[in-house]
Amino acid sequence: MIQRLYQAYFSEGKSVADHAVLQVIAAAVGLEADAVVAVLNSDQYADEVQADIHAAANLGIRGVPFFVINQKYAISGAQPYEAFVAALKKVQAEEEAK
């Protein structure tokens, strides 16, 4: 789903705030159309979305992709896998030192 959202937004220039666009994307990845429409037309996940927005703002996140590892290490943007390996090795070393 996330890959298809990125493709629609970054490669195809589509508005992922448009419910019709989201419905097409959801159908393309196999989600049930009626369920998608119901969620988009409700506030079912509003509290969770607001909590995520608040948490992201507190971490200084301003764009995607953005990865937080072990609530401590941040990787912003599309980075080579070595950046992830380095962060994961730091976490592993910290865990082993406990």
N, C-alpha and C. Protein backbone atom coordinates (compact mmCIF):
# COMPACT_ATOMS: atom_id res chain seq x y z
N MET A 1 0.83 -1.19 0.00
CA MET A 1 0.00 0.00 0.00
C MET A 1 0.87 1.25 0.00
N ILE A 2 1.86 1.29 0.88
CA ILE A 2 2.67 2.51 0.98
C ILE A 2 3.44 2.74 -0.31
N GLN A 3 3.95 1.67 -0.91
CA GLN A 3 4.67 1.81 -2.18
C GLN A 3 3.76 2.39 -3.26
N ARG A 4 2.54 1.90 -3.30
CA ARG A 4 1.58 2.39 -4.30
C ARG A 4 1.19 3.84 -4.02
N LEU A 5 1.08 4.23 -2.75
CA LEU A 5 0.81 5.63 -2.40
C LEU A 5 1.95 6.54 -2.87
N TYR A 6 3.19 6.12 -2.59
CA TYR A 6 4.35 6.90 -3.02
C TYR A 6 4.39 7.03 -4.54
N GLN A 7 4.12 5.93 -5.23
CA GLN A 7 4.13 5.95 -6.69
C GLN A 7 3.09 6.94 -7.22
N ALA A 8 1.89 6.87 -6.67
CA ALA A 8 0.82 7.77 -7.12
C ALA A 8 1.20 9.23 -6.88
N TYR A 9 1.76 9.51 -5.72
CA TYR A 9 2.08 10.89 -5.36
C TYR A 9 3.33 11.40 -6.07
N PHE A 10 4.44 10.67 -5.91
CA PHE A 10 5.71 11.16 -6.41
C PHE A 10 5.91 10.94 -7.91
N SER A 11 5.47 9.82 -8.43
CA SER A 11 5.71 9.51 -9.84
C SER A 11 4.58 9.95 -10.76
N GLU A 12 3.36 9.85 -10.26
CA GLU A 12 2.21 10.13 -11.10
C GLU A 12 1.58 11.50 -10.83
N GLY A 13 2.04 12.18 -9.78
CA GLY A 13 1.54 13.51 -9.47
C GLY A 13 0.10 13.55 -9.01
N LYS A 14 -0.38 12.45 -8.46
CA LYS A 14 -1.77 12.40 -8.00
C LYS A 14 -1.88 12.89 -6.57
N SER A 15 -3.05 13.40 -6.23
CA SER A 15 -3.31 13.87 -4.87
C SER A 15 -3.77 12.69 -4.02
N VAL A 16 -2.97 12.32 -3.04
CA VAL A 16 -3.36 11.22 -2.17
C VAL A 16 -4.31 11.69 -1.06
N ALA A 17 -4.73 12.94 -1.14
CA ALA A 17 -5.79 13.44 -0.26
C ALA A 17 -7.15 13.27 -0.92
N ASP A 18 -7.16 12.93 -2.19
CA ASP A 18 -8.39 12.75 -2.96
C ASP A 18 -8.94 11.34 -2.70
N HIS A 19 -10.15 11.28 -2.19
CA HIS A 19 -10.74 9.98 -1.86
C HIS A 19 -10.85 9.06 -3.07
N ALA A 20 -11.14 9.61 -4.24
CA ALA A 20 -11.24 8.78 -5.44
C ALA A 20 -9.89 8.14 -5.77
N VAL A 21 -8.82 8.90 -5.61
CA VAL A 21 -7.47 8.36 -5.85
C VAL A 21 -7.17 7.26 -4.83
N LEU A 22 -7.50 7.51 -3.58
CA LEU A 22 -7.26 6.51 -2.53
C LEU A 22 -8.06 5.23 -2.78
N GLN A 23 -9.27 5.37 -3.26
CA GLN A 23 -10.09 4.19 -3.56
C GLN A 23 -9.47 3.35 -4.66
N VAL A 24 -8.96 4.00 -5.70
CA VAL A 24 -8.31 3.28 -6.80
C VAL A 24 -7.06 2.56 -6.30
N ILE A 25 -6.26 3.25 -5.51
CA ILE A 25 -5.04 2.66 -4.96
C ILE A 25 -5.39 1.47 -4.07
N ALA A 26 -6.36 1.65 -3.20
CA ALA A 26 -6.77 0.58 -2.29
C ALA A 26 -7.24 -0.64 -3.07
N ALA A 27 -8.02 -0.43 -4.11
CA ALA A 27 -8.50 -1.55 -4.92
C ALA A 27 -7.33 -2.25 -5.60
N ALA A 28 -6.34 -1.48 -6.04
CA ALA A 28 -5.18 -2.04 -6.73
C ALA A 28 -4.35 -2.96 -5.83
N VAL A 29 -4.40 -2.71 -4.52
CA VAL A 29 -3.64 -3.56 -3.60
C VAL A 29 -4.52 -4.59 -2.91
N GLY A 30 -5.77 -4.70 -3.36
CA GLY A 30 -6.64 -5.77 -2.88
C GLY A 30 -7.53 -5.47 -1.69
N LEU A 31 -7.67 -4.21 -1.33
CA LEU A 31 -8.56 -3.88 -0.22
C LEU A 31 -10.01 -3.86 -0.71
N GLU A 32 -10.92 -4.18 0.18
CA GLU A 32 -12.34 -4.22 -0.17
C GLU A 32 -12.88 -2.80 -0.35
N ALA A 33 -13.48 -2.55 -1.50
CA ALA A 33 -13.94 -1.20 -1.87
C ALA A 33 -14.91 -0.61 -0.86
N ASP A 34 -15.90 -1.38 -0.43
CA ASP A 34 -16.89 -0.86 0.52
C ASP A 34 -16.25 -0.46 1.84
N ALA A 35 -15.32 -1.25 2.31
CA ALA A 35 -14.63 -0.95 3.56
C ALA A 35 -13.80 0.32 3.43
N VAL A 36 -13.14 0.48 2.30
CA VAL A 36 -12.33 1.67 2.06
C VAL A 36 -13.20 2.93 2.06
N VAL A 37 -14.30 2.88 1.35
CA VAL A 37 -15.22 4.03 1.29
C VAL A 37 -15.74 4.35 2.69
N ALA A 38 -16.10 3.34 3.44
CA ALA A 38 -16.63 3.55 4.79
C ALA A 38 -15.60 4.24 5.69
N VAL A 39 -14.36 3.79 5.63
CA VAL A 39 -13.31 4.40 6.45
C VAL A 39 -13.05 5.83 6.02
N LEU A 40 -12.95 6.06 4.71
CA LEU A 40 -12.67 7.41 4.22
C LEU A 40 -13.77 8.40 4.55
N ASN A 41 -14.99 7.93 4.68
CA ASN A 41 -16.11 8.81 4.98
C ASN A 41 -16.44 8.88 6.46
N SER A 42 -15.54 8.39 7.30
CA SER A 42 -15.78 8.41 8.74
C SER A 42 -14.59 9.02 9.46
N ASP A 43 -14.75 9.15 10.77
CA ASP A 43 -13.65 9.59 11.63
C ASP A 43 -13.11 8.41 12.43
N GLN A 44 -13.28 7.21 11.90
CA GLN A 44 -12.93 5.99 12.62
C GLN A 44 -11.49 5.99 13.15
N TYR A 45 -10.56 6.51 12.38
CA TYR A 45 -9.16 6.49 12.79
C TYR A 45 -8.61 7.89 13.09
N ALA A 46 -9.48 8.85 13.28
CA ALA A 46 -9.05 10.24 13.48
C ALA A 46 -8.14 10.40 14.69
N ASP A 47 -8.46 9.77 15.80
CA ASP A 47 -7.63 9.90 17.00
C ASP A 47 -6.24 9.32 16.77
N GLU A 48 -6.17 8.17 16.11
CA GLU A 48 -4.88 7.54 15.84
C GLU A 48 -4.03 8.39 14.89
N VAL A 49 -4.68 8.96 13.88
CA VAL A 49 -3.96 9.81 12.93
C VAL A 49 -3.43 11.05 13.63
N GLN A 50 -4.24 11.68 14.46
CA GLN A 50 -3.79 12.87 15.18
C GLN A 50 -2.64 12.53 16.13
N ALA A 51 -2.70 11.37 16.77
CA ALA A 51 -1.62 10.95 17.66
C ALA A 51 -0.33 10.74 16.87
N ASP A 52 -0.43 10.14 15.69
CA ASP A 52 0.75 9.95 14.84
C ASP A 52 1.33 11.28 14.38
N ILE A 53 0.46 12.21 14.01
CA ILE A 53 0.92 13.53 13.58
C ILE A 53 1.65 14.24 14.72
N HIS A 54 1.08 14.16 15.91
CA HIS A 54 1.70 14.78 17.09
C HIS A 54 3.05 14.14 17.41
N ALA A 55 3.10 12.81 17.39
CA ALA A 55 4.36 12.10 17.66
C ALA A 55 5.42 12.46 16.63
N ALA A 56 5.04 12.53 15.37
CA ALA A 56 5.98 12.88 14.31
C ALA A 56 6.51 14.30 14.51
N ALA A 57 5.63 15.22 14.85
CA ALA A 57 6.05 16.60 15.08
C ALA A 57 7.04 16.67 16.24
N ASN A 58 6.79 15.90 17.29
CA ASN A 58 7.69 15.89 18.44
C ASN A 58 9.07 15.35 18.09
N LEU A 59 9.13 14.47 17.09
CA LEU A 59 10.41 13.91 16.65
C LEU A 59 11.07 14.76 15.56
N GLY A 60 10.39 15.82 15.14
CA GLY A 60 10.94 16.68 14.10
C GLY A 60 10.75 16.13 12.70
N ILE A 61 9.86 15.19 12.54
CA ILE A 61 9.61 14.60 11.22
C ILE A 61 8.80 15.57 10.38
N ARG A 62 9.31 15.84 9.19
CA ARG A 62 8.63 16.78 8.30
C ARG A 62 8.37 16.19 6.92
N GLY A 63 8.76 14.96 6.70
CA GLY A 63 8.57 14.35 5.39
C GLY A 63 8.68 12.84 5.46
N VAL A 64 8.49 12.23 4.33
CA VAL A 64 8.59 10.78 4.23
C VAL A 64 9.53 10.44 3.09
N PRO A 65 10.18 9.32 3.12
CA PRO A 65 10.16 8.37 4.22
C PRO A 65 11.00 8.85 5.40
N PHE A 66 10.65 8.40 6.57
CA PHE A 66 11.37 8.71 7.80
C PHE A 66 11.25 7.50 8.70
N PHE A 67 12.35 7.02 9.21
CA PHE A 67 12.36 5.81 10.01
C PHE A 67 12.92 6.11 11.40
N VAL A 68 12.27 5.60 12.42
CA VAL A 68 12.75 5.72 13.79
C VAL A 68 13.02 4.31 14.29
N ILE A 69 14.25 4.09 14.71
CA ILE A 69 14.65 2.76 15.16
C ILE A 69 14.87 2.79 16.66
N ASN A 70 14.14 1.94 17.36
CA ASN A 70 14.26 1.80 18.81
C ASN A 70 13.98 3.11 19.55
N GLN A 71 13.12 3.94 18.98
CA GLN A 71 12.75 5.23 19.56
C GLN A 71 13.96 6.13 19.82
N LYS A 72 15.07 5.87 19.11
CA LYS A 72 16.29 6.61 19.40
C LYS A 72 17.02 7.09 18.14
N TYR A 73 17.09 6.26 17.14
CA TYR A 73 17.84 6.59 15.94
C TYR A 73 16.89 6.94 14.81
N ALA A 74 17.19 8.02 14.11
CA ALA A 74 16.32 8.47 13.03
C ALA A 74 17.07 8.42 11.70
N ILE A 75 16.36 7.97 10.69
CA ILE A 75 16.89 7.96 9.34
C ILE A 75 15.88 8.68 8.46
N SER A 76 16.31 9.79 7.89
CA SER A 76 15.42 10.61 7.09
C SER A 76 15.71 10.43 5.60
N GLY A 77 14.66 10.29 4.85
CA GLY A 77 14.80 10.20 3.40
C GLY A 77 15.18 8.81 2.93
N ALA A 78 15.33 8.71 1.64
CA ALA A 78 15.73 7.44 1.03
C ALA A 78 17.23 7.29 1.20
N GLN A 79 17.63 6.39 2.05
CA GLN A 79 19.04 6.20 2.38
C GLN A 79 19.50 4.82 1.90
N PRO A 80 20.80 4.67 1.70
CA PRO A 80 21.31 3.34 1.33
C PRO A 80 21.15 2.38 2.50
N TYR A 81 21.13 1.11 2.19
CA TYR A 81 20.92 0.13 3.25
C TYR A 81 21.99 0.20 4.32
N GLU A 82 23.17 0.70 3.99
CA GLU A 82 24.25 0.81 4.99
C GLU A 82 23.84 1.71 6.16
N ALA A 83 23.03 2.72 5.90
CA ALA A 83 22.56 3.60 6.97
C ALA A 83 21.69 2.83 7.95
N PHE A 84 20.87 1.94 7.43
CA PHE A 84 20.01 1.12 8.29
C PHE A 84 20.84 0.10 9.06
N VAL A 85 21.79 -0.51 8.37
CA VAL A 85 22.65 -1.50 9.03
C VAL A 85 23.42 -0.85 10.17
N ALA A 86 23.95 0.34 9.95
CA ALA A 86 24.70 1.04 11.00
C ALA A 86 23.82 1.32 12.21
N ALA A 87 22.61 1.80 11.96
CA ALA A 87 21.70 2.10 13.08
C ALA A 87 21.31 0.82 13.81
N LEU A 88 21.04 -0.23 13.08
CA LEU A 88 20.66 -1.50 13.72
C LEU A 88 21.83 -2.09 14.51
N LYS A 89 23.04 -1.92 14.02
CA LYS A 89 24.21 -2.41 14.77
C LYS A 89 24.39 -1.64 16.07
N LYS A 90 24.11 -0.33 16.04
CA LYS A 90 24.18 0.46 17.27
C LYS A 90 23.16 -0.04 18.29
N VAL A 91 21.95 -0.29 17.84
CA VAL A 91 20.91 -0.80 18.73
C VAL A 91 21.32 -2.16 19.28
N GLN A 92 21.84 -3.02 18.42
CA GLN A 92 22.27 -4.35 18.86
C GLN A 92 23.37 -4.24 19.91
N ALA A 93 24.34 -3.39 19.68
CA ALA A 93 25.44 -3.22 20.64
C ALA A 93 24.92 -2.70 21.97
N GLU A 94 23.99 -1.77 21.93
CA GLU A 94 23.40 -1.25 23.17
C GLU A 94 22.64 -2.32 23.92
N GLU A 95 21.90 -3.14 23.20
CA GLU A 95 21.13 -4.21 23.83
C GLU A 95 22.06 -5.26 24.44
N GLU A 96 23.13 -5.58 23.74
CA GLU A 96 24.07 -6.58 24.24
C GLU A 96 24.84 -6.07 25.45
N ALA A 97 25.01 -4.75 25.56
CA ALA A 97 25.74 -4.16 26.69
C ALA A 97 24.91 -4.11 27.96
N LYS A 98 23.62 -4.35 27.85
CA LYS A 98 22.74 -4.30 29.03
C LYS A 98 22.94 -5.50 29.91
